[in-house]
Protein backbone atom coordinates (compact mmCIF):
# COMPACT_ATOMS: atom_id res chain seq x y z
CA MET A 1 136.08 41.89 182.69
CA LEU A 2 136.24 45.14 180.78
CA VAL A 3 137.56 43.38 177.69
CA TYR A 4 134.69 40.87 177.85
CA GLY A 5 132.21 43.73 178.18
CA VAL A 6 133.59 45.50 175.12
CA LEU A 7 133.57 42.29 173.04
CA LEU A 8 130.05 41.31 174.10
CA SER A 9 128.70 44.80 173.40
CA LEU A 10 130.32 44.77 169.96
CA CYS A 11 128.76 41.41 169.15
CA ALA A 12 125.35 42.61 170.32
CA GLY A 13 125.69 45.97 168.58
CA LEU A 14 126.90 44.56 165.26
CA ALA A 15 123.65 42.60 165.06
CA ILE A 16 122.15 45.96 164.02
CA PRO A 17 124.07 46.32 160.73
CA PHE A 18 123.68 42.56 160.19
CA GLY A 19 119.91 43.00 160.30
CA ALA A 20 120.21 45.97 157.93
CA PHE A 21 122.33 43.84 155.58
CA LEU A 22 119.66 41.12 155.57
CA ALA A 23 117.09 43.77 154.62
CA ARG A 24 119.09 44.49 151.46
CA ILE A 25 119.07 40.89 150.30
CA SER A 26 116.11 39.52 148.33
CA PHE A 27 115.84 35.90 149.41
CA PHE A 28 112.59 35.32 147.52
CA LYS A 29 111.22 36.74 144.28
CA ASP A 30 107.65 36.23 145.39
CA ARG A 31 106.39 39.27 147.31
CA TRP A 32 104.32 37.18 149.72
CA LYS A 33 107.32 35.03 150.63
CA ARG A 34 109.43 38.14 151.23
CA ASP A 35 106.70 39.60 153.42
CA GLU A 36 106.37 36.35 155.36
CA LEU A 37 110.13 36.27 156.01
CA ARG A 38 110.14 39.92 157.09
CA ARG A 39 107.32 39.36 159.56
CA GLY A 40 108.99 36.21 160.86
CA ILE A 41 112.21 38.14 161.56
CA ILE A 42 110.26 40.88 163.35
CA ALA A 43 108.40 38.25 165.39
CA PHE A 44 111.72 36.68 166.41
CA GLY A 45 112.80 40.06 167.80
CA ALA A 46 109.50 40.41 169.67
CA GLY A 47 109.98 37.01 171.31
CA ALA A 48 113.52 37.93 172.35
CA LEU A 49 112.30 41.23 173.80
CA ILE A 50 109.60 39.51 175.86
CA SER A 51 112.15 37.03 177.21
CA ALA A 52 114.45 39.90 178.21
CA VAL A 53 111.59 41.52 180.14
CA ALA A 54 110.48 38.26 181.77
CA PHE A 55 113.84 36.72 182.65
CA VAL A 56 116.21 39.64 183.25
CA LEU A 57 114.88 43.19 183.38
CA VAL A 58 111.86 42.76 185.69
CA PRO A 59 113.20 40.13 188.15
CA GLU A 60 116.64 41.74 188.42
CA GLY A 61 115.35 45.32 188.51
CA ALA A 62 112.62 44.59 191.06
CA GLY A 63 115.20 43.03 193.37
CA LYS A 64 117.12 46.30 193.61
CA VAL A 65 114.31 48.71 194.59
CA GLU A 66 111.19 48.91 196.73
CA PRO A 67 108.00 47.41 195.19
CA TRP A 68 106.32 50.79 194.73
CA VAL A 69 109.42 52.18 193.02
CA ALA A 70 109.47 49.13 190.74
CA LEU A 71 105.85 49.67 189.71
CA LEU A 72 106.32 53.40 189.13
CA SER A 73 109.49 52.83 187.09
CA PHE A 74 107.79 50.22 184.93
CA ALA A 75 104.79 52.48 184.31
CA ALA A 76 107.04 55.47 183.60
CA GLY A 77 108.87 53.49 180.92
CA GLY A 78 105.64 52.62 179.16
CA LEU A 79 104.35 56.20 179.35
CA PHE A 80 107.65 57.65 178.12
CA PHE A 81 107.83 55.35 175.11
CA MET A 82 104.19 56.16 174.36
CA ALA A 83 104.96 59.90 174.41
CA VAL A 84 107.92 59.42 172.07
CA ASP A 85 105.83 57.23 169.78
CA MET A 86 103.12 59.91 169.60
CA ALA A 87 105.70 62.61 168.85
CA LEU A 88 107.21 60.54 166.04
CA ALA A 89 103.75 59.94 164.56
CA ARG A 90 103.09 63.69 164.46
CA LEU A 91 106.46 64.32 162.80
CA HIS A 92 105.87 61.58 160.19
CA THR A 93 109.56 60.72 160.47
CA PRO A 94 110.94 57.71 158.56
CA ALA A 95 113.23 56.97 161.50
CA SER A 96 110.69 55.86 164.11
CA ASN A 97 111.93 52.24 164.08
CA PHE A 98 115.53 53.45 164.35
CA LEU A 99 114.76 55.64 167.37
CA ALA A 100 112.81 52.83 169.00
CA MET A 101 115.79 50.53 168.42
CA MET A 102 118.17 52.98 170.05
CA MET A 103 115.83 53.48 173.01
CA ASP A 104 116.17 49.74 173.57
CA PHE A 105 119.85 49.34 172.78
CA VAL A 106 121.36 52.20 174.81
CA PRO A 107 119.83 51.47 178.24
CA GLU A 108 120.12 47.71 177.79
CA ALA A 109 123.83 48.02 176.96
CA ILE A 110 124.26 50.11 180.12
CA VAL A 111 122.52 47.36 182.09
CA LEU A 112 124.79 44.81 180.38
CA GLY A 113 127.90 46.62 181.62
CA ALA A 114 126.61 46.71 185.17
CA LEU A 115 125.48 43.08 185.14
CA LEU A 116 128.87 41.86 183.93
CA THR A 117 130.47 43.16 187.11
CA GLN A 118 127.86 41.47 189.30
CA ASN A 119 126.85 38.25 187.53
CA PHE A 120 128.95 37.33 184.50
CA HIS A 121 126.61 34.57 183.27
CA GLN A 122 123.59 36.88 183.39
CA GLY A 123 125.62 39.47 181.48
CA ILE A 124 126.33 36.96 178.71
CA PHE A 125 122.65 36.00 178.66
CA LEU A 126 121.60 39.63 178.29
CA ALA A 127 124.17 40.21 175.52
CA ILE A 128 122.65 37.31 173.57
CA ILE A 129 119.17 38.73 174.06
CA ILE A 130 120.26 42.21 172.96
CA GLY A 131 121.84 40.78 169.82
CA ALA A 132 118.75 38.67 169.10
CA GLN A 133 116.50 41.73 169.24
CA ASN A 134 118.93 44.11 167.52
CA MET A 135 119.03 42.01 164.36
CA PRO A 136 115.28 42.25 163.55
CA GLU A 137 115.14 45.85 164.79
CA GLY A 138 118.04 46.75 162.50
CA TYR A 139 116.17 44.98 159.70
CA ALA A 140 112.98 46.96 160.31
CA ALA A 141 114.77 50.29 160.82
CA TYR A 142 116.81 49.93 157.63
CA THR A 143 113.72 48.98 155.61
CA GLU A 144 111.91 52.07 156.88
CA MET A 145 114.80 54.52 156.39
CA ALA A 146 115.66 53.14 152.93
CA LYS A 147 112.23 54.35 151.81
CA GLY A 148 112.89 57.84 153.20
CA THR A 149 115.13 60.69 152.12
CA ILE A 150 118.46 58.81 152.29
CA LYS A 151 119.23 57.85 148.69
CA SER A 152 122.52 55.97 149.11
CA LYS A 153 121.87 52.53 150.58
CA ASN A 154 125.60 51.99 151.05
CA LYS A 155 125.88 55.13 153.18
CA LEU A 156 122.83 54.05 155.17
CA LEU A 157 124.36 50.63 155.79
CA GLY A 158 127.62 52.31 156.84
CA PHE A 159 125.68 54.47 159.29
CA PHE A 160 124.10 51.36 160.84
CA PHE A 161 127.57 49.83 161.14
CA LEU A 162 128.82 52.86 163.10
CA VAL A 163 125.78 52.63 165.38
CA GLY A 164 126.64 49.00 166.07
CA LEU A 165 130.19 49.98 167.05
CA SER A 166 128.89 52.39 169.72
CA GLY A 167 128.00 49.59 172.15
CA PRO A 168 131.21 49.75 174.25
CA VAL A 169 130.46 53.38 175.16
CA TYR A 170 127.20 52.38 176.86
CA VAL A 171 128.77 49.34 178.49
CA LEU A 172 131.45 51.55 180.05
CA LEU A 173 128.70 53.74 181.52
CA GLY A 174 127.29 50.63 183.14
CA THR A 175 130.58 49.31 184.50
CA HIS A 176 131.86 52.65 185.82
CA VAL A 177 128.75 54.69 186.69
CA PHE A 178 125.52 52.73 187.18
CA VAL A 179 127.13 49.79 188.96
CA LYS A 180 127.80 52.12 191.90
CA TRP A 181 124.08 52.88 192.33
CA GLU A 182 122.04 49.69 192.47
CA ALA A 183 118.75 51.56 192.91
CA ALA A 184 119.40 53.64 189.77
CA LEU A 185 120.26 50.47 187.87
CA GLY A 186 117.05 48.81 189.06
CA VAL A 187 114.97 51.81 188.00
CA LEU A 188 116.64 51.81 184.57
CA MET A 189 115.98 48.10 184.07
CA LEU A 190 112.30 48.43 184.97
CA PHE A 191 111.95 51.63 182.91
CA CYS A 192 113.30 49.73 179.88
CA ALA A 193 110.99 46.80 180.57
CA GLY A 194 107.90 49.01 180.58
CA GLY A 195 108.98 50.76 177.39
CA ILE A 196 109.78 47.51 175.62
CA LEU A 197 106.41 46.01 176.53
CA TYR A 198 104.69 49.12 175.15
CA LEU A 199 106.63 48.87 171.86
CA ILE A 200 105.82 45.17 171.48
CA PHE A 201 102.06 45.65 171.68
CA GLU A 202 101.88 49.03 169.95
CA ASP A 203 104.36 48.67 167.12
CA ILE A 204 105.88 45.22 166.72
CA ALA A 205 103.10 42.67 167.28
CA PRO A 206 100.58 44.34 164.91
CA ARG A 207 103.09 43.96 162.06
CA ILE A 208 103.52 40.21 162.51
CA ALA A 209 100.12 38.69 161.61
CA MET A 210 99.30 37.76 158.00
CA LYS A 211 95.98 36.54 156.63
CA LYS A 212 96.10 32.80 155.86
CA HIS A 213 99.77 32.62 156.93
CA TRP A 214 100.61 30.96 160.23
CA LEU A 215 104.41 30.76 160.13
CA PRO A 216 105.49 34.31 161.23
CA PRO A 217 104.24 33.99 164.86
CA LEU A 218 106.52 30.98 165.28
CA GLY A 219 109.37 33.49 165.07
CA ALA A 220 108.16 34.90 168.39
CA ILE A 221 108.29 31.41 169.91
CA ALA A 222 111.84 30.92 168.62
CA GLY A 223 112.95 34.33 169.94
CA PHE A 224 111.47 33.64 173.36
CA MET A 225 113.16 30.22 173.41
CA VAL A 226 116.54 31.93 173.00
CA GLY A 227 115.92 33.82 176.22
CA MET A 228 114.40 30.79 177.93
CA ALA A 229 117.44 28.65 177.08
CA GLY A 230 119.76 31.30 178.51
CA TYR A 231 117.66 31.61 181.66
CA LEU A 232 117.68 27.84 182.23
CA TYR A 233 121.45 27.80 181.66
CA ILE A 234 122.22 30.37 184.37
CA GLN A 235 119.92 28.78 186.98
């Protein structure tokens, strides 16, 4: 089981540098086409995030704690991510997307480790969802940081690769620490769900729409369908 956890976390984590690599490639010469593709990729990540909240984090987390704890944990996640978002805005940092990505990736990988010991199929489902959201988040984070103070794009891509390799560390925390405390795991899942929902409506969704372009939102449908397919598979 541990080997599967490490492999799944690596696959999900390496979606981050893959997204960064896609950001370096110019698929279209036309600026509008490039912008439409970028927004479509971001929308795909948003759909995957919503499916993770709807099909895994909220139902599984709520089943481990009392209803009032579930509500407080969910609200706390949203408020915490809002506070971090406000702090990043004041700092004018070019790494806001990167930090948001890590705030998703780290706790979700911990949850992945714990789920693998309890429900292997749900663990695989969550790993797919994490990878599906990490790719567009890596894309957005790389695009933002490449415009900042880091001059070498190769070094930046190498940094994203190292971040992707860190997944097994968080999975081990889930399999050896959080799995022993179901209530703590439930709180973490709901905390993540609240934070993710905040990020979707505050940061991700506003960057999807384009005037007189209707294709990018279909990326959200496709991303959600990835999670929906996984949910139907494990039922």
